C-alpha atoms as a PDB file:
ATOM      1  CA  UNK A   1     -92.392  65.985 -14.102  1.00  0.00           C
ATOM      2  CA  UNK A   2     -89.464  64.213 -15.733  1.00  0.00           C
ATOM      3  CA  UNK A   3     -90.777  65.004 -19.302  1.00  0.00           C
ATOM      4  CA  UNK A   4     -90.789  61.262 -20.113  1.00  0.00           C
ATOM      5  CA  UNK A   5     -93.643  60.048 -22.100  1.00  0.00           C
ATOM      6  CA  UNK A   6     -96.511  58.160 -20.406  1.00  0.00           C
ATOM      7  CA  UNK A   7     -95.921  54.489 -20.611  1.00  0.00           C
ATOM      8  CA  UNK A   8     -98.465  52.078 -22.117  1.00  0.00           C
ATOM      9  CA  UNK A   9    -101.751  51.579 -20.130  1.00  0.00           C
ATOM     10  CA  UNK A  10    -100.663  48.208 -18.965  1.00  0.00           C
ATOM     11  CA  UNK A  11     -97.547  49.651 -17.146  1.00  0.00           C
ATOM     12  CA  UNK A  12     -99.677  52.424 -15.569  1.00  0.00           C
ATOM     13  CA  UNK A  13    -102.185  49.906 -14.260  1.00  0.00           C
ATOM     14  CA  UNK A  14     -99.497  47.645 -12.859  1.00  0.00           C
ATOM     15  CA  UNK A  15     -97.826  50.555 -11.120  1.00  0.00           C
ATOM     16  CA  UNK A  16    -101.184  51.552  -9.610  1.00  0.00           C
ATOM     17  CA  UNK A  17    -101.801  47.998  -8.417  1.00  0.00           C
ATOM     18  CA  UNK A  18     -98.294  47.704  -6.875  1.00  0.00           C
ATOM     19  CA  UNK A  19     -99.409  50.515  -4.459  1.00  0.00           C
ATOM     20  CA  UNK A  20    -101.850  48.144  -2.598  1.00  0.00           C
ATOM     21  CA  UNK A  21    -101.237  47.389   0.959  1.00  0.00           C
ATOM     22  CA  UNK A  22     -99.401  49.055   3.980  1.00  0.00           C
ATOM     23  CA  UNK A  23     -96.659  51.490   3.183  1.00  0.00           C
ATOM     24  CA  UNK A  24     -95.029  54.558   4.619  1.00  0.00           C
ATOM     25  CA  UNK A  25     -95.980  57.860   3.061  1.00  0.00           C
ATOM     26  CA  UNK A  26     -94.562  61.368   3.819  1.00  0.00           C
ATOM     27  CA  UNK A  27     -97.300  64.123   4.087  1.00  0.00           C
ATOM     28  CA  UNK A  28     -96.878  66.781   1.476  1.00  0.00           C
ATOM     29  CA  UNK A  29     -95.713  70.296   2.311  1.00  0.00           C
ATOM     30  CA  UNK A  30     -99.200  71.573   1.317  1.00  0.00           C
ATOM     31  CA  UNK A  31    -100.888  69.460   4.037  1.00  0.00           C
ATOM     32  CA  UNK A  32    -102.225  70.725   7.423  1.00  0.00           C
ATOM     33  CA  UNK A  33     -99.862  68.238   9.388  1.00  0.00           C
ATOM     34  CA  UNK A  34     -98.190  70.115  12.158  1.00  0.00           C
ATOM     35  CA  UNK A  35     -94.560  70.276  12.887  1.00  0.00           C
ATOM     36  CA  UNK A  36     -93.479  72.142  15.995  1.00  0.00           C
ATOM     37  CA  UNK A  37     -96.894  73.364  16.286  1.00  0.00           C
ATOM     38  CA  UNK A  38     -97.208  74.876  12.860  1.00  0.00           C
ATOM     39  CA  UNK A  39     -99.039  73.485   9.832  1.00  0.00           C
ATOM     40  CA  UNK A  40     -96.787  72.304   6.856  1.00  0.00           C
ATOM     41  CA  UNK A  41     -98.810  74.535   4.530  1.00  0.00           C
ATOM     42  CA  UNK A  42     -97.881  77.595   6.578  1.00  0.00           C
ATOM     43  CA  UNK A  43     -94.168  76.607   6.205  1.00  0.00           C
ATOM     44  CA  UNK A  44     -94.699  76.302   2.460  1.00  0.00           C
ATOM     45  CA  UNK A  45     -96.393  79.532   2.113  1.00  0.00           C
ATOM     46  CA  UNK A  46     -93.407  81.148   3.777  1.00  0.00           C
ATOM     47  CA  UNK A  47     -91.119  79.461   1.310  1.00  0.00           C
ATOM     48  CA  UNK A  48     -89.716  76.978   3.853  1.00  0.00           C
ATOM     49  CA  UNK A  49     -89.374  73.270   3.800  1.00  0.00           C
ATOM     50  CA  UNK A  50     -89.071  71.166   6.914  1.00  0.00           C
ATOM     51  CA  UNK A  51     -88.427  67.532   7.597  1.00  0.00           C
ATOM     52  CA  UNK A  52     -91.560  65.381   7.877  1.00  0.00           C
ATOM     53  CA  UNK A  53     -91.576  61.946   9.350  1.00  0.00           C
ATOM     54  CA  UNK A  54     -93.318  59.466   7.096  1.00  0.00           C
ATOM     55  CA  UNK A  55     -96.566  57.801   8.238  1.00  0.00           C
ATOM     56  CA  UNK A  56     -98.013  54.348   7.830  1.00  0.00           C
ATOM     57  CA  UNK A  57    -101.026  54.259   5.557  1.00  0.00           C
ATOM     58  CA  UNK A  58    -102.790  51.436   3.768  1.00  0.00           C
ATOM     59  CA  UNK A  59    -104.254  51.268   0.271  1.00  0.00           C
ATOM     60  CA  UNK A  60    -107.126  48.812   0.589  1.00  0.00           C
ATOM     61  CA  UNK A  61    -108.248  48.936  -2.900  1.00  0.00           C
ATOM     62  CA  UNK A  62    -107.004  50.662  -6.097  1.00  0.00           C
ATOM     63  CA  UNK A  63    -108.233  50.635  -9.704  1.00  0.00           C
ATOM     64  CA  UNK A  64    -106.826  52.768 -12.521  1.00  0.00           C
ATOM     65  CA  UNK A  65    -108.880  53.229 -15.734  1.00  0.00           C
ATOM     66  CA  UNK A  66    -107.719  55.306 -18.825  1.00  0.00           C
ATOM     67  CA  UNK A  67    -109.709  58.598 -18.973  1.00  0.00           C
ATOM     68  CA  UNK A  68    -107.888  60.541 -21.741  1.00  0.00           C
ATOM     69  CA  UNK A  69    -104.705  60.829 -23.505  1.00  0.00           C
ATOM     70  CA  UNK A  70    -102.049  60.314 -20.579  1.00  0.00           C
ATOM     71  CA  UNK A  71    -104.727  60.647 -17.954  1.00  0.00           C
ATOM     72  CA  UNK A  72    -106.206  57.978 -15.695  1.00  0.00           C
ATOM     73  CA  UNK A  73    -109.080  57.962 -13.225  1.00  0.00           C
ATOM     74  CA  UNK A  74    -108.170  56.158  -9.890  1.00  0.00           C
ATOM     75  CA  UNK A  75    -110.737  54.619  -7.762  1.00  0.00           C
ATOM     76  CA  UNK A  76    -109.546  54.128  -4.144  1.00  0.00           C
ATOM     77  CA  UNK A  77    -110.328  52.934  -0.742  1.00  0.00           C
ATOM     78  CA  UNK A  78    -107.709  54.028   1.607  1.00  0.00           C
ATOM     79  CA  UNK A  79    -106.838  54.455   5.451  1.00  0.00           C
ATOM     80  CA  UNK A  80    -107.113  57.660   7.238  1.00  0.00           C
ATOM     81  CA  UNK A  81    -104.284  59.976   6.655  1.00  0.00           C
ATOM     82  CA  UNK A  82    -103.639  58.902   3.098  1.00  0.00           C
ATOM     83  CA  UNK A  83    -102.711  61.668   0.645  1.00  0.00           C
ATOM     84  CA  UNK A  84    -103.965  60.823  -2.676  1.00  0.00           C
ATOM     85  CA  UNK A  85    -101.939  63.604  -4.483  1.00  0.00           C
ATOM     86  CA  UNK A  86     -98.815  62.020  -3.021  1.00  0.00           C
ATOM     87  CA  UNK A  87    -100.028  58.617  -4.237  1.00  0.00           C
ATOM     88  CA  UNK A  88    -100.403  60.023  -7.709  1.00  0.00           C
ATOM     89  CA  UNK A  89     -96.931  61.423  -7.399  1.00  0.00           C
ATOM     90  CA  UNK A  90     -95.435  58.190  -6.359  1.00  0.00           C
ATOM     91  CA  UNK A  91     -97.103  56.227  -9.177  1.00  0.00           C
ATOM     92  CA  UNK A  92     -95.611  58.627 -11.579  1.00  0.00           C
ATOM     93  CA  UNK A  93     -92.294  58.321 -10.043  1.00  0.00           C
ATOM     94  CA  UNK A  94     -92.445  54.617 -10.187  1.00  0.00           C
ATOM     95  CA  UNK A  95     -93.132  54.912 -14.020  1.00  0.00           C
ATOM     96  CA  UNK A  96     -90.365  57.574 -14.594  1.00  0.00           C
ATOM     97  CA  UNK A  97     -92.867  59.999 -16.143  1.00  0.00           C
ATOM     98  CA  UNK A  98     -94.125  61.931 -13.206  1.00  0.00           C
ATOM     99  CA  UNK A  99     -97.632  62.255 -12.022  1.00  0.00           C
ATOM    100  CA  UNK A 100    -100.068  64.827 -10.591  1.00  0.00           C
ATOM    101  CA  UNK A 101    -103.728  64.845  -9.380  1.00  0.00           C
ATOM    102  CA  UNK A 102    -106.079  66.891 -11.485  1.00  0.00           C
ATOM    103  CA  UNK A 103    -109.173  66.557  -9.334  1.00  0.00           C
ATOM    104  CA  UNK A 104    -110.403  64.582  -6.316  1.00  0.00           C
ATOM    105  CA  UNK A 105    -113.792  63.515  -5.182  1.00  0.00           C
ATOM    106  CA  UNK A 106    -114.506  61.643  -1.995  1.00  0.00           C
ATOM    107  CA  UNK A 107    -117.276  59.137  -2.541  1.00  0.00           C
ATOM    108  CA  UNK A 108    -117.503  57.762   0.891  1.00  0.00           C
ATOM    109  CA  UNK A 109    -116.317  58.533   4.348  1.00  0.00           C
ATOM    110  CA  UNK A 110    -116.685  56.484   7.606  1.00  0.00           C
ATOM    111  CA  UNK A 111    -119.025  54.123   5.904  1.00  0.00           C
ATOM    112  CA  UNK A 112    -121.265  56.808   4.609  1.00  0.00           C
ATOM    113  CA  UNK A 113    -121.651  56.879   0.737  1.00  0.00           C
ATOM    114  CA  UNK A 114    -122.068  60.283  -1.039  1.00  0.00           C
ATOM    115  CA  UNK A 115    -125.157  58.767  -2.729  1.00  0.00           C
ATOM    116  CA  UNK A 116    -126.919  59.093   0.850  1.00  0.00           C
ATOM    117  CA  UNK A 117    -125.788  62.575   1.332  1.00  0.00           C
ATOM    118  CA  UNK A 118    -128.237  65.611   1.542  1.00  0.00           C
ATOM    119  CA  UNK A 119    -127.792  68.775  -0.257  1.00  0.00           C
ATOM    120  CA  UNK A 120    -127.691  71.927   1.524  1.00  0.00           C
ATOM    121  CA  UNK A 121    -130.778  73.199  -0.276  1.00  0.00           C
ATOM    122  CA  UNK A 122    -132.640  70.103   0.895  1.00  0.00           C
ATOM    123  CA  UNK A 123    -131.569  70.923   4.565  1.00  0.00           C
ATOM    124  CA  UNK A 124    -132.718  74.454   4.202  1.00  0.00           C
ATOM    125  CA  UNK A 125    -136.059  73.478   2.806  1.00  0.00           C
ATOM    126  CA  UNK A 126    -136.749  70.954   5.490  1.00  0.00           C
ATOM    127  CA  UNK A 127    -139.051  72.440   8.170  1.00  0.00           C
ATOM    128  CA  UNK A 128    -137.609  70.130  10.823  1.00  0.00           C
ATOM    129  CA  UNK A 129    -134.010  69.640   9.709  1.00  0.00           C
ATOM    130  CA  UNK A 130    -133.126  67.491  12.865  1.00  0.00           C
ATOM    131  CA  UNK A 131    -135.219  64.798  11.201  1.00  0.00           C
ATOM    132  CA  UNK A 132    -132.552  64.346   8.615  1.00  0.00           C
ATOM    133  CA  UNK A 133    -130.029  63.420  11.154  1.00  0.00           C
ATOM    134  CA  UNK A 134    -128.937  59.711  11.421  1.00  0.00           C
ATOM    135  CA  UNK A 135    -128.835  58.134  14.946  1.00  0.00           C
ATOM    136  CA  UNK A 136    -125.384  58.091  16.395  1.00  0.00           C
ATOM    137  CA  UNK A 137    -125.318  54.269  16.244  1.00  0.00           C
ATOM    138  CA  UNK A 138    -125.432  54.484  12.514  1.00  0.00           C
ATOM    139  CA  UNK A 139    -121.724  55.382  12.555  1.00  0.00           C
ATOM    140  CA  UNK A 140    -120.933  51.919  14.099  1.00  0.00           C
ATOM    141  CA  UNK A 141    -123.213  49.713  11.687  1.00  0.00           C
ATOM    142  CA  UNK A 142    -120.235  47.610  10.677  1.00  0.00           C
ATOM    143  CA  UNK A 143    -120.096  46.145  14.236  1.00  0.00           C
ATOM    144  CA  UNK A 144    -122.433  43.486  15.531  1.00  0.00           C
ATOM    145  CA  UNK A 145    -125.210  44.453  17.934  1.00  0.00           C
ATOM    146  CA  UNK A 146    -125.661  43.025  21.574  1.00  0.00           C
ATOM    147  CA  UNK A 147    -128.541  43.697  23.921  1.00  0.00           C
ATOM    148  CA  UNK A 148    -127.983  43.655  27.640  1.00  0.00           C
ATOM    149  CA  UNK A 149    -130.356  43.584  30.585  1.00  0.00           C
ATOM    150  CA  UNK A 150    -130.333  43.004  34.369  1.00  0.00           C
ATOM    151  CA  UNK A 151    -127.094  43.092  36.054  1.00  0.00           C
ATOM    152  CA  UNK A 152    -125.180  43.598  32.798  1.00  0.00           C
ATOM    153  CA  UNK A 153    -127.412  46.715  32.089  1.00  0.00           C
ATOM    154  CA  UNK A 154    -126.701  48.135  35.501  1.00  0.00           C
ATOM    155  CA  UNK A 155    -122.917  47.579  35.080  1.00  0.00           C
ATOM    156  CA  UNK A 156    -122.828  48.932  31.484  1.00  0.00           C
ATOM    157  CA  UNK A 157    -124.669  52.177  32.639  1.00  0.00           C
ATOM    158  CA  UNK A 158    -122.185  52.711  35.484  1.00  0.00           C
ATOM    159  CA  UNK A 159    -119.133  52.260  33.162  1.00  0.00           C
ATOM    160  CA  UNK A 160    -118.157  48.949  34.569  1.00  0.00           C
ATOM    161  CA  UNK A 161    -117.202  45.842  32.554  1.00  0.00           C
ATOM    162  CA  UNK A 162    -119.605  43.037  32.179  1.00  0.00           C
ATOM    163  CA  UNK A 163    -119.967  39.465  30.839  1.00  0.00           C
ATOM    164  CA  UNK A 164    -119.979  39.199  27.113  1.00  0.00           C
ATOM    165  CA  UNK A 165    -120.622  35.886  25.155  1.00  0.00           C
ATOM    166  CA  UNK A 166    -120.908  37.557  21.757  1.00  0.00           C
ATOM    167  CA  UNK A 167    -117.403  36.733  20.426  1.00  0.00           C
ATOM    168  CA  UNK A 168    -114.264  38.915  20.317  1.00  0.00           C
ATOM    169  CA  UNK A 169    -114.125  42.464  18.965  1.00  0.00           C
ATOM    170  CA  UNK A 170    -116.148  45.712  19.076  1.00  0.00           C
ATOM    171  CA  UNK A 171    -119.859  45.572  19.553  1.00  0.00           C
ATOM    172  CA  UNK A 172    -122.840  47.925  19.533  1.00  0.00           C
ATOM    173  CA  UNK A 173    -124.416  47.548  22.982  1.00  0.00           C
ATOM    174  CA  UNK A 174    -128.202  48.267  23.404  1.00  0.00           C
ATOM    175  CA  UNK A 175    -130.573  48.225  26.388  1.00  0.00           C
ATOM    176  CA  UNK A 176    -133.769  46.085  26.424  1.00  0.00           C
ATOM    177  CA  UNK A 177    -135.900  48.751  24.942  1.00  0.00           C
ATOM    178  CA  UNK A 178    -133.510  49.170  21.961  1.00  0.00           C
ATOM    179  CA  UNK A 179    -131.770  52.277  23.353  1.00  0.00           C
ATOM    180  CA  UNK A 180    -128.138  52.577  22.076  1.00  0.00           C
ATOM    181  CA  UNK A 181    -125.855  52.616  25.097  1.00  0.00           C
ATOM    182  CA  UNK A 182    -122.265  52.208  24.000  1.00  0.00           C
ATOM    183  CA  UNK A 183    -119.607  50.921  21.829  1.00  0.00           C
ATOM    184  CA  UNK A 184    -117.874  48.098  23.690  1.00  0.00           C
ATOM    185  CA  UNK A 185    -114.887  45.750  23.145  1.00  0.00           C
ATOM    186  CA  UNK A 186    -115.415  42.260  24.108  1.00  0.00           C
ATOM    187  CA  UNK A 187    -112.290  40.335  25.079  1.00  0.00           C
ATOM    188  CA  UNK A 188    -112.023  37.146  27.079  1.00  0.00           C
ATOM    189  CA  UNK A 189    -115.695  37.038  27.803  1.00  0.00           C
ATOM    190  CA  UNK A 190    -115.606  40.523  29.195  1.00  0.00           C
ATOM    191  CA  UNK A 191    -117.095  43.647  27.657  1.00  0.00           C
ATOM    192  CA  UNK A 192    -115.225  47.034  28.314  1.00  0.00           C
ATOM    193  CA  UNK A 193    -116.712  50.316  27.311  1.00  0.00           C
ATOM    194  CA  UNK A 194    -114.979  52.161  24.567  1.00  0.00           C
ATOM    195  CA  UNK A 195    -117.344  55.155  24.458  1.00  0.00           C
ATOM    196  CA  UNK A 196    -120.698  55.579  26.194  1.00  0.00           C
ATOM    197  CA  UNK A 197    -123.612  57.263  24.459  1.00  0.00           C
ATOM    198  CA  UNK A 198    -126.513  56.939  26.782  1.00  0.00           C
ATOM    199  CA  UNK A 199    -128.104  60.004  28.582  1.00  0.00           C
ATOM    200  CA  UNK A 200    -127.232  60.164  32.369  1.00  0.00           C
END
């Protein structure tokens, strides 16, 4: 953007690494973030600019590899709401040469990697496509599992809190037959329901 030459690779890599951690980021005018009930991109299409409050994001991991003359491939793990094109702009601004995003490919979302995805052709060719669906508890695979029975099972099925000796934090809660009941939050020896998934 400034017309300045791209700095040496070492400087680019250092600027990228400096972006790790929590920070405030302002959504771009081409985003779907709403201001006064209207998307920013709609304002942009009308040739208008509005004030947008910055939001906290987190860059968990970032790696930059030279890809071509003056171009770099970024590999990122970021929090929800992170705009990668804005991050590219910010890295370029820090270097004084400007930066833009040429392409973007999401390789994982919510713990599901792209290598485990299924093509539309495969879905269309499957006589029973519902068999391709993952069980709902797969979304919470990162959290430890807890099995309940007896009084605790009764309380869980009725939306009440129940005793929990599984340690603090979020847990997948199952019934004695292995049925997924709910996502719970264990605090102070008591499990409270975050979201129920069992059939009534």
